[in-house]
Amino acid sequence: MADPKGFLTTGREVAPTRPVAERVKDWNEVYVPGSLLPIISKQAGRCMDCGIPFCHNGCPLGNLIPEWNDYAYREDWAAASERLHATNNFPEFTGRLCPAPCESACVLGINQPAVTIKNVEVSIIDKAWETGDVTPQPPERLSGKTVAVIGSGPAGLAAAQQLTRAGHTVAVYERADRIGGLLRYGIPEFKMEKVHINRRIEQMRAEGTKFRTEVEIGRDIDAAKLRRRYDAVVVAAGATVSRDLPVPGRELNGIHFAMDYLPLANKVQEGDFVAPPITAEGKHVVVIGGGDTGADCVGTAHRQGAASVTQLEIMPRPGEDRSSGQPWPTFPMLYKVTSAHEEGGERVYSVSTTHFEGDENGDVQALHLVEVEFTDGKPEQRPGTERRIPAQLVTLAMGFTGTDQENGLVRQFGLELDARGNIARDADYATNVDGVYVAGDAGRGQSLIVWAIAEGRSAARGVDRYLTGASDLPAPIRPTDRALTV
């Protein structure tokens, strides 16, 4: 353990953010650079000798959190990095983007603020990159087997890195023009600067992984032909079909899925555009959906100079503290103020959009909504609560319904789907097609980055065993495992 009395003598302290007036003028990460290292050792020292570390159960990766907390407390950064990478291929991603279910399961969190596990994690990996402790790990020998990975999000990259290190020759196919999937084009720069993706890709290239961009399996290459070309295939194409809002006026100009809006802002940062084709500049912006993707739209609109930003959520506003119905160590649904919300805008709960209103040019100008209340789990409109709000740009951030079936990938492979419309798989992540495996949101449905990485690692073990008859690769979760909730 770390400091035996740390949790008694040290209060929780998190990474400070830059002033709002400063950060909305740029796209850099919102946290004060270098602010964690002076405080992080004491924060890691708050980790208790709790006997049974429930943080292991909260995290699907099975991160060895007490171990690397101890090393961070002692400022043994090399050892901390080794323990961190023992279970997680990309801690710089999870340390920035994961909502930290490990902290919800922290034993200290029963009656005190939990250990800042996420901040410790990102401090360790950033220090490891700074000191050169992150190096390529090419295999000692090649197996002679080839694997295609479809999709370069966190699940695909994790599977590819594990299989490459096991000695297989791996090629990653990505339909976008750059590697990274939603990490690249779904996550705004202010949440994670893309240098973190770029240097991981270079590490993987040095290990032997090959990357093929602007190739969509199902359209550019027939999936059945791809299967014949490789000894095994991992489908990690994600759950990319956005949930729509079929109400009158949906066809008006200016109403976009979040994943049609957010990537354009990232492409500006990549140098592809001087200005984004879809911008919030000078407009009244309405974001429909109260989750993390909606918050990303809010922060992006602020930086583009929106006249106003309103975020709508059909569910009631969550409480700020755990309720009796969400006991420790489950992951609670709490009222969360992200960095984007700190920057302004209005959040409206328990409302549903009834229709959109446009002008003579077919451009959206307003949104009509009504308050709702839930009866037997279903929202019912409250008469007399209708109102109109200005809306010249609307983003739909209501989640995703499954993997893309229009591009032909599912049909050409002949893959079976489960009852929820995801690609079906067995305990080894194998589909009904011999040699074809599935990992991440394509098989699990919309989920968190830690679950995607855990699935990529687990599917890699299944593929390795299929190719060689046995495997020493870890499999942290089963396809049927689910988050610790009530």
Protein backbone atom coordinates (compact mmCIF):
# COMPACT_ATOMS: atom_id res chain seq x y z
CA MET A 1 0.00 0.00 0.00
CA ALA A 2 0.99 3.66 -0.13
CA ASP A 3 0.77 6.03 2.88
CA PRO A 4 -0.92 4.09 5.73
CA LYS A 5 -2.56 7.29 6.98
CA GLY A 6 -2.90 9.08 3.65
CA PHE A 7 -6.67 8.77 3.44
CA LEU A 8 -6.92 10.27 6.94
CA THR A 9 -4.55 13.20 6.45
CA THR A 10 -4.94 14.16 2.78
CA GLY A 11 -8.09 15.42 1.12
CA ARG A 12 -9.08 14.71 -2.46
CA GLU A 13 -7.59 17.18 -4.95
CA VAL A 14 -8.18 16.93 -8.69
CA ALA A 15 -6.47 18.45 -11.71
CA PRO A 16 -7.20 22.19 -12.01
CA THR A 17 -8.61 23.52 -15.28
CA ARG A 18 -7.54 26.62 -17.16
CA PRO A 19 -9.77 29.72 -16.83
CA VAL A 20 -12.88 29.52 -19.00
CA ALA A 21 -12.19 32.84 -20.70
CA GLU A 22 -8.80 31.51 -21.80
CA ARG A 23 -9.61 27.97 -22.86
CA VAL A 24 -12.69 28.72 -25.00
CA LYS A 25 -10.39 30.68 -27.29
CA ASP A 26 -8.30 27.61 -28.18
CA TRP A 27 -8.63 23.86 -28.64
CA ASN A 28 -5.96 22.73 -26.19
CA GLU A 29 -6.83 20.38 -23.34
CA VAL A 30 -8.68 22.18 -20.59
CA TYR A 31 -6.36 21.19 -17.73
CA VAL A 32 -3.45 23.30 -16.55
CA PRO A 33 -0.33 21.68 -18.06
CA GLY A 34 1.96 20.07 -15.49
CA SER A 35 -0.42 20.75 -12.59
CA LEU A 36 -0.83 17.15 -11.49
CA LEU A 37 2.71 16.04 -10.70
CA PRO A 38 3.18 18.36 -7.69
CA ILE A 39 0.08 16.89 -6.00
CA ILE A 40 -0.31 13.40 -7.43
CA SER A 41 2.01 11.47 -5.10
CA LYS A 42 0.01 12.56 -2.06
CA GLN A 43 -3.21 11.78 -3.90
CA ALA A 44 -1.94 8.29 -4.70
CA GLY A 45 -1.05 7.97 -1.01
CA ARG A 46 -4.77 8.15 -0.16
CA CYS A 47 -5.16 4.59 -1.52
CA MET A 48 -6.08 2.36 1.44
CA ASP A 49 -4.95 -1.09 2.47
CA CYS A 50 -8.57 -2.08 1.94
CA GLY A 51 -8.14 -5.86 1.80
CA ILE A 52 -10.45 -6.36 -1.17
CA PRO A 53 -9.86 -3.58 -3.72
CA PHE A 54 -13.27 -3.16 -5.32
CA CYS A 55 -11.73 -0.77 -7.85
CA HIS A 56 -10.65 -3.98 -9.63
CA ASN A 57 -14.32 -4.87 -10.04
CA GLY A 58 -15.34 -1.40 -11.14
CA CYS A 59 -12.78 -1.47 -13.98
CA PRO A 60 -13.33 -4.13 -16.69
CA LEU A 61 -9.63 -4.03 -17.51
CA GLY A 62 -8.79 -5.32 -14.04
CA ASN A 63 -6.29 -2.50 -13.59
CA LEU A 64 -3.84 -3.12 -10.74
CA ILE A 65 -4.77 0.17 -9.16
CA PRO A 66 -3.40 -0.25 -5.60
CA GLU A 67 -0.07 -1.39 -7.03
CA TRP A 68 0.51 1.57 -9.30
CA ASN A 69 -0.87 3.94 -6.68
CA ASP A 70 1.87 2.68 -4.36
CA TYR A 71 4.56 3.21 -6.99
CA ALA A 72 3.24 6.69 -7.79
CA TYR A 73 3.25 7.57 -4.10
CA ARG A 74 6.93 6.54 -3.97
CA GLU A 75 7.57 8.32 -7.31
CA ASP A 76 8.86 5.13 -8.90
CA TRP A 77 7.42 6.11 -12.26
CA ALA A 78 9.04 3.31 -14.29
CA ALA A 79 7.55 0.61 -12.06
CA ALA A 80 4.21 2.41 -12.03
CA SER A 81 4.19 2.49 -15.84
CA GLU A 82 4.97 -1.23 -16.03
CA ARG A 83 2.07 -2.10 -13.70
CA LEU A 84 -0.23 0.27 -15.58
CA HIS A 85 0.59 -1.28 -18.97
CA ALA A 86 0.20 -4.80 -17.59
CA THR A 87 -3.57 -4.48 -18.02
CA ASN A 88 -4.14 -1.44 -20.25
CA ASN A 89 -2.68 -0.80 -23.70
CA PHE A 90 -3.65 2.87 -23.77
CA PRO A 91 -3.81 4.46 -20.30
CA GLU A 92 -3.38 7.96 -21.77
CA PHE A 93 -6.76 7.46 -23.48
CA THR A 94 -8.61 6.08 -20.47
CA GLY A 95 -6.94 8.54 -18.09
CA ARG A 96 -8.49 11.37 -20.10
CA LEU A 97 -11.75 9.95 -21.40
CA CYS A 98 -13.02 7.24 -19.06
CA PRO A 99 -15.77 8.26 -16.57
CA ALA A 100 -13.81 6.26 -13.97
CA PRO A 101 -16.12 3.48 -12.71
CA CYS A 102 -13.07 2.44 -10.67
CA GLU A 103 -13.50 5.56 -8.53
CA SER A 104 -17.18 4.78 -7.97
CA ALA A 105 -16.09 1.38 -6.65
CA CYS A 106 -13.23 2.72 -4.50
CA VAL A 107 -13.61 1.44 -0.93
CA LEU A 108 -12.65 4.86 0.42
CA GLY A 109 -15.67 6.20 -1.46
CA ILE A 110 -18.05 4.54 1.00
CA ASN A 111 -17.81 7.50 3.34
CA GLN A 112 -15.15 9.83 1.86
CA PRO A 113 -14.28 11.26 -1.56
CA ALA A 114 -12.69 8.46 -3.59
CA VAL A 115 -9.03 8.27 -4.59
CA THR A 116 -8.32 10.28 -7.76
CA ILE A 117 -7.50 7.08 -9.66
CA LYS A 118 -8.01 8.63 -13.08
CA ASN A 119 -5.63 11.53 -12.35
CA VAL A 120 -2.99 9.15 -11.00
CA GLU A 121 -3.29 7.03 -14.13
CA VAL A 122 -2.81 9.91 -16.55
CA SER A 123 0.09 11.27 -14.48
CA ILE A 124 1.89 7.93 -14.66
CA ILE A 125 1.53 7.53 -18.41
CA ASP A 126 2.39 11.14 -19.22
CA LYS A 127 5.53 10.79 -17.10
CA ALA A 128 6.34 7.51 -18.85
CA TRP A 129 6.22 9.16 -22.27
CA GLU A 130 8.32 12.05 -20.96
CA THR A 131 11.04 9.75 -19.59
CA GLY A 132 11.05 7.32 -22.52
CA ASP A 133 9.64 4.38 -20.57
CA VAL A 134 7.10 3.70 -23.33
CA THR A 135 8.92 1.81 -26.08
CA PRO A 136 7.93 -0.52 -28.94
CA GLN A 137 7.61 -4.19 -27.98
CA PRO A 138 8.04 -6.12 -31.23
CA PRO A 139 7.59 -9.91 -31.06
CA GLU A 140 10.66 -12.11 -30.74
CA ARG A 141 9.45 -14.34 -33.58
CA LEU A 142 6.65 -14.33 -36.14
CA SER A 143 3.95 -16.98 -36.26
CA GLY A 144 3.43 -16.83 -40.00
CA LYS A 145 -0.28 -16.14 -39.40
CA THR A 146 -2.09 -13.04 -40.68
CA VAL A 147 -4.96 -11.11 -39.08
CA ALA A 148 -7.13 -8.28 -40.40
CA VAL A 149 -8.68 -5.88 -37.88
CA ILE A 150 -11.63 -3.86 -39.15
CA GLY A 151 -11.82 -0.56 -37.28
CA SER A 152 -9.18 1.49 -35.49
CA GLY A 153 -11.04 2.61 -32.39
CA PRO A 154 -9.88 1.52 -28.93
CA ALA A 155 -11.14 -2.08 -29.35
CA GLY A 156 -9.50 -2.54 -32.75
CA LEU A 157 -6.21 -0.96 -31.69
CA ALA A 158 -6.05 -3.04 -28.49
CA ALA A 159 -6.71 -6.27 -30.39
CA ALA A 160 -4.18 -5.33 -33.06
CA GLN A 161 -1.43 -4.50 -30.56
CA GLN A 162 -1.98 -7.70 -28.58
CA LEU A 163 -1.96 -9.89 -31.69
CA THR A 164 1.10 -8.16 -33.15
CA ARG A 165 3.02 -8.69 -29.93
CA ALA A 166 1.97 -12.36 -30.02
CA GLY A 167 3.84 -12.67 -33.32
CA HIS A 168 1.04 -12.46 -35.87
CA THR A 169 1.13 -10.13 -38.88
CA VAL A 170 -1.71 -7.67 -38.36
CA ALA A 171 -3.26 -5.11 -40.71
CA VAL A 172 -5.79 -2.57 -39.41
CA TYR A 173 -8.40 -1.29 -41.87
CA GLU A 174 -10.00 2.10 -41.20
CA ARG A 175 -12.62 3.74 -43.42
CA ALA A 176 -11.69 7.28 -42.32
CA ASP A 177 -8.63 9.13 -43.58
CA ARG A 178 -6.79 8.82 -40.26
CA ILE A 179 -6.37 6.10 -37.65
CA GLY A 180 -8.21 6.35 -34.34
CA GLY A 181 -11.93 5.83 -34.93
CA LEU A 182 -14.04 7.80 -32.45
CA LEU A 183 -10.87 8.68 -30.56
CA ARG A 184 -9.77 10.65 -33.62
CA TYR A 185 -12.99 12.21 -34.86
CA GLY A 186 -15.53 11.76 -32.05
CA ILE A 187 -13.50 13.22 -29.18
CA PRO A 188 -12.84 16.98 -29.34
CA GLU A 189 -9.29 18.23 -29.09
CA PHE A 190 -10.01 19.99 -25.79
CA LYS A 191 -10.73 16.60 -24.18
CA MET A 192 -7.78 14.76 -25.71
CA GLU A 193 -5.17 16.26 -27.99
CA LYS A 194 -4.46 13.94 -30.90
CA VAL A 195 -0.73 13.77 -30.19
CA HIS A 196 -1.65 11.00 -27.74
CA ILE A 197 -3.10 8.91 -30.57
CA ASN A 198 -0.30 9.71 -32.98
CA ARG A 199 2.52 8.50 -30.78
CA ARG A 200 0.68 5.26 -29.95
CA ILE A 201 0.23 4.63 -33.67
CA GLU A 202 3.95 5.16 -34.20
CA GLN A 203 4.69 2.71 -31.38
CA MET A 204 2.42 0.13 -33.00
CA ARG A 205 4.01 0.68 -36.41
CA ALA A 206 7.43 0.10 -34.86
CA GLU A 207 6.11 -3.16 -33.40
CA GLY A 208 4.98 -4.30 -36.84
CA THR A 209 1.28 -3.44 -37.09
CA LYS A 210 0.22 -2.24 -40.56
CA PHE A 211 -2.44 0.39 -41.12
CA ARG A 212 -4.73 0.88 -44.13
CA THR A 213 -6.79 4.09 -44.11
CA GLU A 214 -9.68 5.12 -46.39
CA VAL A 215 -10.63 1.47 -46.92
CA GLU A 216 -14.19 0.52 -45.96
CA ILE A 217 -14.75 -3.21 -45.73
CA GLY A 218 -18.05 -4.00 -47.42
CA ARG A 219 -17.76 -1.18 -49.93
CA ASP A 220 -14.13 -0.89 -51.03
CA ILE A 221 -13.24 -4.53 -50.31
CA ASP A 222 -15.71 -7.39 -50.22
CA ALA A 223 -15.77 -8.85 -46.70
CA ALA A 224 -15.80 -12.45 -47.95
CA LYS A 225 -12.71 -11.78 -50.05
CA LEU A 226 -10.98 -10.22 -47.05
CA ARG A 227 -11.70 -13.37 -45.03
CA ARG A 228 -10.04 -15.53 -47.69
CA ARG A 229 -6.98 -13.26 -47.69
CA TYR A 230 -6.29 -13.53 -43.94
CA ASP A 231 -6.08 -16.37 -41.47
CA ALA A 232 -8.43 -14.54 -39.09
CA VAL A 233 -10.45 -11.32 -38.95
CA VAL A 234 -11.47 -9.14 -36.00
CA VAL A 235 -14.51 -6.94 -36.57
CA ALA A 236 -14.17 -3.85 -34.38
CA ALA A 237 -16.25 -1.50 -36.49
CA GLY A 238 -18.09 0.06 -33.55
CA ALA A 239 -21.75 0.98 -33.08
CA THR A 240 -21.81 3.87 -35.52
CA VAL A 241 -25.51 4.15 -36.41
CA SER A 242 -26.79 7.27 -34.63
CA ARG A 243 -30.21 7.28 -33.01
CA ASP A 244 -32.51 9.59 -34.97
CA LEU A 245 -35.38 11.85 -33.90
CA PRO A 246 -38.35 11.27 -36.23
CA VAL A 247 -40.45 14.37 -35.54
CA PRO A 248 -41.97 16.93 -37.95
CA GLY A 249 -39.32 19.25 -39.38
CA ARG A 250 -36.46 16.77 -39.02
CA GLU A 251 -35.64 17.30 -42.71
CA LEU A 252 -34.81 21.00 -42.24
CA ASN A 253 -31.30 22.25 -42.93
CA GLY A 254 -29.16 22.76 -39.85
CA ILE A 255 -30.17 19.57 -38.01
CA HIS A 256 -27.26 17.16 -37.82
CA PHE A 257 -26.16 14.03 -36.01
CA ALA A 258 -23.44 14.80 -33.49
CA MET A 259 -21.06 12.52 -35.37
CA ASP A 260 -21.57 14.59 -38.53
CA TYR A 261 -20.80 17.78 -36.60
CA LEU A 262 -17.94 16.91 -34.23
CA PRO A 263 -15.47 15.40 -36.75
CA LEU A 264 -15.46 18.59 -38.81
CA ALA A 265 -14.11 20.59 -35.87
CA ASN A 266 -11.36 18.00 -35.43
CA LYS A 267 -10.54 18.19 -39.12
CA VAL A 268 -9.94 21.92 -38.74
CA GLN A 269 -7.35 21.11 -36.07
CA GLU A 270 -5.78 18.56 -38.42
CA GLY A 271 -5.43 21.28 -41.08
CA ASP A 272 -8.01 19.87 -43.49
CA PHE A 273 -10.26 22.95 -43.31
CA VAL A 274 -9.72 26.61 -42.50
CA ALA A 275 -13.26 26.70 -41.11
CA PRO A 276 -15.66 23.79 -40.53
CA PRO A 277 -18.44 23.26 -43.11
CA ILE A 278 -20.89 23.08 -40.19
CA THR A 279 -20.28 25.76 -37.58
CA ALA A 280 -22.05 27.18 -34.55
CA GLU A 281 -20.62 30.66 -35.06
CA GLY A 282 -23.23 33.31 -34.26
CA LYS A 283 -26.04 30.74 -34.02
CA HIS A 284 -28.47 29.65 -31.37
CA VAL A 285 -27.43 26.03 -30.81
CA VAL A 286 -29.57 23.25 -29.33
CA VAL A 287 -27.98 19.93 -28.36
CA ILE A 288 -30.45 17.08 -27.94
CA GLY A 289 -29.00 14.48 -25.58
CA GLY A 290 -27.54 14.89 -22.12
CA GLY A 291 -24.61 12.48 -22.26
CA ASP A 292 -20.90 12.88 -22.92
CA THR A 293 -21.34 13.27 -26.68
CA GLY A 294 -23.84 16.05 -26.03
CA ALA A 295 -21.33 17.74 -23.73
CA ASP A 296 -18.72 17.48 -26.50
CA CYS A 297 -21.13 19.33 -28.81
CA VAL A 298 -21.63 21.99 -26.13
CA GLY A 299 -17.89 22.59 -25.71
CA THR A 300 -17.35 22.65 -29.48
CA ALA A 301 -20.16 25.19 -29.97
CA HIS A 302 -18.64 27.45 -27.31
CA ARG A 303 -15.30 27.47 -29.11
CA GLN A 304 -16.94 28.21 -32.43
CA GLY A 305 -18.63 31.32 -31.02
CA ALA A 306 -22.25 30.26 -30.64
CA ALA A 307 -24.76 32.95 -29.71
CA SER A 308 -26.33 30.58 -27.19
CA VAL A 309 -26.16 26.89 -26.32
CA THR A 310 -29.01 24.84 -24.84
CA GLN A 311 -28.73 21.14 -24.01
CA LEU A 312 -31.92 19.08 -23.73
CA GLU A 313 -32.37 15.80 -21.86
CA ILE A 314 -35.57 13.74 -21.71
CA MET A 315 -34.66 12.18 -18.35
CA PRO A 316 -35.06 14.00 -15.01
CA ARG A 317 -32.05 15.77 -13.57
CA PRO A 318 -29.97 13.26 -11.55
CA GLY A 319 -29.10 13.90 -7.93
CA GLU A 320 -25.70 15.17 -6.84
CA ASP A 321 -25.18 12.39 -4.27
CA ARG A 322 -25.72 8.64 -4.27
CA SER A 323 -29.28 7.60 -3.52
CA SER A 324 -30.28 4.46 -1.65
CA GLY A 325 -31.16 2.95 -5.01
CA GLN A 326 -27.58 3.34 -6.25
CA PRO A 327 -25.46 1.91 -3.42
CA TRP A 328 -21.69 1.60 -3.39
CA PRO A 329 -19.89 0.06 -5.32
CA THR A 330 -22.25 0.45 -8.30
CA PHE A 331 -21.65 3.15 -10.91
CA PRO A 332 -24.19 5.85 -9.98
CA MET A 333 -26.07 8.18 -12.29
CA LEU A 334 -25.19 11.57 -10.80
CA TYR A 335 -25.50 15.18 -11.93
CA LYS A 336 -22.21 15.84 -13.69
CA VAL A 337 -20.73 19.21 -14.60
CA THR A 338 -18.15 18.69 -17.33
CA SER A 339 -15.61 21.27 -18.45
CA ALA A 340 -17.97 22.13 -21.34
CA HIS A 341 -20.81 22.89 -18.94
CA GLU A 342 -18.53 25.12 -16.88
CA GLU A 343 -18.10 27.24 -20.00
CA GLY A 344 -21.75 28.30 -20.17
CA GLY A 345 -25.04 27.36 -21.75
CA GLU A 346 -28.32 26.11 -20.34
CA ARG A 347 -29.24 22.53 -19.43
CA VAL A 348 -32.91 21.56 -19.54
CA TYR A 349 -34.16 18.25 -18.13
CA SER A 350 -37.43 16.31 -18.46
CA VAL A 351 -38.32 17.70 -21.88
CA SER A 352 -39.10 16.15 -25.25
CA THR A 353 -38.91 17.73 -28.70
CA THR A 354 -42.27 17.81 -30.49
CA HIS A 355 -41.26 19.42 -33.79
CA PHE A 356 -38.86 21.78 -35.55
CA GLU A 357 -39.78 25.08 -37.21
CA GLY A 358 -38.05 26.42 -40.32
CA ASP A 359 -37.96 29.53 -42.50
CA GLU A 360 -38.82 30.00 -46.16
CA ASN A 361 -35.39 28.67 -47.18
CA GLY A 362 -35.83 25.39 -45.34
CA ASP A 363 -33.39 26.28 -42.55
CA VAL A 364 -34.24 25.39 -38.97
CA GLN A 365 -35.10 28.42 -36.84
CA ALA A 366 -36.75 27.05 -33.72
CA LEU A 367 -37.47 23.95 -31.71
CA HIS A 368 -40.72 23.20 -29.92
CA LEU A 369 -40.58 21.14 -26.74
CA VAL A 370 -42.82 19.94 -23.96
CA GLU A 371 -42.14 18.86 -20.39
CA VAL A 372 -42.49 15.15 -19.63
CA GLU A 373 -42.86 12.99 -16.57
CA PHE A 374 -42.24 9.27 -16.35
CA THR A 375 -45.01 6.81 -15.56
CA ASP A 376 -44.09 3.12 -15.42
CA GLY A 377 -40.80 3.99 -17.11
CA LYS A 378 -42.42 5.78 -20.07
CA PRO A 379 -42.35 9.55 -20.67
CA GLU A 380 -45.75 11.26 -20.82
CA GLN A 381 -46.24 14.85 -21.96
CA ARG A 382 -47.52 17.41 -19.49
CA PRO A 383 -50.27 19.49 -21.13
CA GLY A 384 -49.76 23.23 -21.04
CA THR A 385 -45.95 23.05 -20.80
CA GLU A 386 -45.18 23.49 -24.49
CA ARG A 387 -42.71 26.20 -25.44
CA ARG A 388 -40.53 27.36 -28.32
CA ILE A 389 -36.80 28.04 -28.20
CA PRO A 390 -34.60 29.50 -30.98
CA ALA A 391 -32.49 26.94 -32.81
CA GLN A 392 -30.36 27.65 -35.90
CA LEU A 393 -28.11 24.63 -35.38
CA VAL A 394 -29.34 21.40 -33.80
CA THR A 395 -27.14 18.41 -33.00
CA LEU A 396 -28.62 15.00 -32.21
CA ALA A 397 -26.52 13.30 -29.53
CA MET A 398 -28.90 10.59 -28.36
CA GLY A 399 -26.59 7.61 -28.60
CA PHE A 400 -26.13 4.83 -31.12
CA THR A 401 -28.28 1.88 -32.15
CA GLY A 402 -25.76 -0.59 -33.56
CA THR A 403 -23.10 -1.32 -36.13
CA ASP A 404 -23.43 -0.17 -39.74
CA GLN A 405 -25.30 -2.71 -41.84
CA GLU A 406 -25.69 -0.58 -44.96
CA ASN A 407 -22.06 -0.92 -46.06
CA GLY A 408 -22.42 -4.66 -46.64
CA LEU A 409 -19.93 -5.88 -44.03
CA VAL A 410 -22.44 -7.89 -41.99
CA ARG A 411 -24.18 -9.35 -45.04
CA GLN A 412 -21.02 -10.21 -46.98
CA PHE A 413 -19.50 -12.03 -44.02
CA GLY A 414 -22.84 -13.71 -43.29
CA LEU A 415 -22.75 -12.65 -39.64
CA GLU A 416 -25.59 -13.41 -37.27
CA LEU A 417 -26.99 -10.70 -34.99
CA ASP A 418 -28.24 -10.99 -31.43
CA ALA A 419 -31.61 -9.81 -30.13
CA ARG A 420 -30.30 -6.25 -29.69
CA GLY A 421 -29.00 -6.00 -33.24
CA ASN A 422 -25.33 -6.42 -32.33
CA ILE A 423 -23.04 -8.98 -33.94
CA ALA A 424 -23.46 -12.26 -32.06
CA ARG A 425 -20.40 -14.02 -30.61
CA ASP A 426 -19.54 -16.92 -28.34
CA ALA A 427 -17.44 -17.03 -25.16
CA ASP A 428 -14.23 -16.63 -27.22
CA TYR A 429 -15.63 -13.62 -29.14
CA ALA A 430 -16.00 -15.81 -32.24
CA THR A 431 -18.91 -15.15 -34.60
CA ASN A 432 -20.85 -17.80 -36.50
CA VAL A 433 -18.31 -17.47 -39.36
CA ASP A 434 -15.14 -19.51 -38.92
CA GLY A 435 -12.13 -17.32 -38.16
CA VAL A 436 -14.15 -14.10 -37.76
CA TYR A 437 -14.24 -12.49 -34.32
CA VAL A 438 -15.91 -9.36 -33.00
CA ALA A 439 -14.78 -6.92 -30.31
CA GLY A 440 -16.02 -3.65 -28.88
CA ASP A 441 -19.27 -1.82 -29.53
CA ALA A 442 -20.01 -3.87 -32.67
CA GLY A 443 -20.68 -6.85 -30.39
CA ARG A 444 -21.47 -5.21 -27.03
CA GLY A 445 -23.40 -2.17 -28.17
CA GLN A 446 -22.61 1.42 -27.21
CA SER A 447 -20.30 1.36 -24.20
CA LEU A 448 -17.27 2.96 -22.50
CA ILE A 449 -13.68 3.13 -23.70
CA VAL A 450 -12.48 0.81 -20.92
CA TRP A 451 -14.93 -1.87 -22.04
CA ALA A 452 -13.75 -1.46 -25.65
CA ILE A 453 -10.09 -1.94 -24.71
CA ALA A 454 -10.97 -4.89 -22.47
CA GLU A 455 -12.94 -6.49 -25.31
CA GLY A 456 -10.08 -5.93 -27.76
CA ARG A 457 -7.65 -7.64 -25.38
CA SER A 458 -10.06 -10.51 -24.73
CA ALA A 459 -10.88 -11.06 -28.40
CA ALA A 460 -7.15 -11.12 -29.17
CA ARG A 461 -6.80 -14.12 -26.88
CA GLY A 462 -9.59 -15.92 -28.73
CA VAL A 463 -7.94 -15.23 -32.09
CA ASP A 464 -4.51 -16.24 -30.83
CA ARG A 465 -5.90 -19.54 -29.56
CA TYR A 466 -7.71 -20.11 -32.87
CA LEU A 467 -4.50 -19.56 -34.81
CA THR A 468 -2.06 -21.46 -32.59
CA GLY A 469 -4.14 -23.82 -30.46
CA ALA A 470 -3.26 -22.07 -27.18
CA SER A 471 -2.69 -18.56 -25.88
CA ASP A 472 -0.94 -16.77 -23.04
CA LEU A 473 -2.70 -13.47 -23.81
CA PRO A 474 -4.97 -12.13 -21.04
CA ALA A 475 -8.75 -12.03 -21.38
CA PRO A 476 -10.02 -9.62 -18.70
CA ILE A 477 -13.73 -9.98 -19.50
CA ARG A 478 -16.26 -12.33 -21.06
CA PRO A 479 -18.65 -11.13 -23.77
CA THR A 480 -21.53 -11.49 -21.31
CA ASP A 481 -19.96 -9.37 -18.55
CA ARG A 482 -21.67 -6.08 -17.81
CA ALA A 483 -20.93 -2.98 -15.75
CA LEU A 484 -21.48 -3.02 -12.00
CA THR A 485 -24.90 -1.35 -11.80
CA VAL A 486 -28.28 -1.92 -10.19
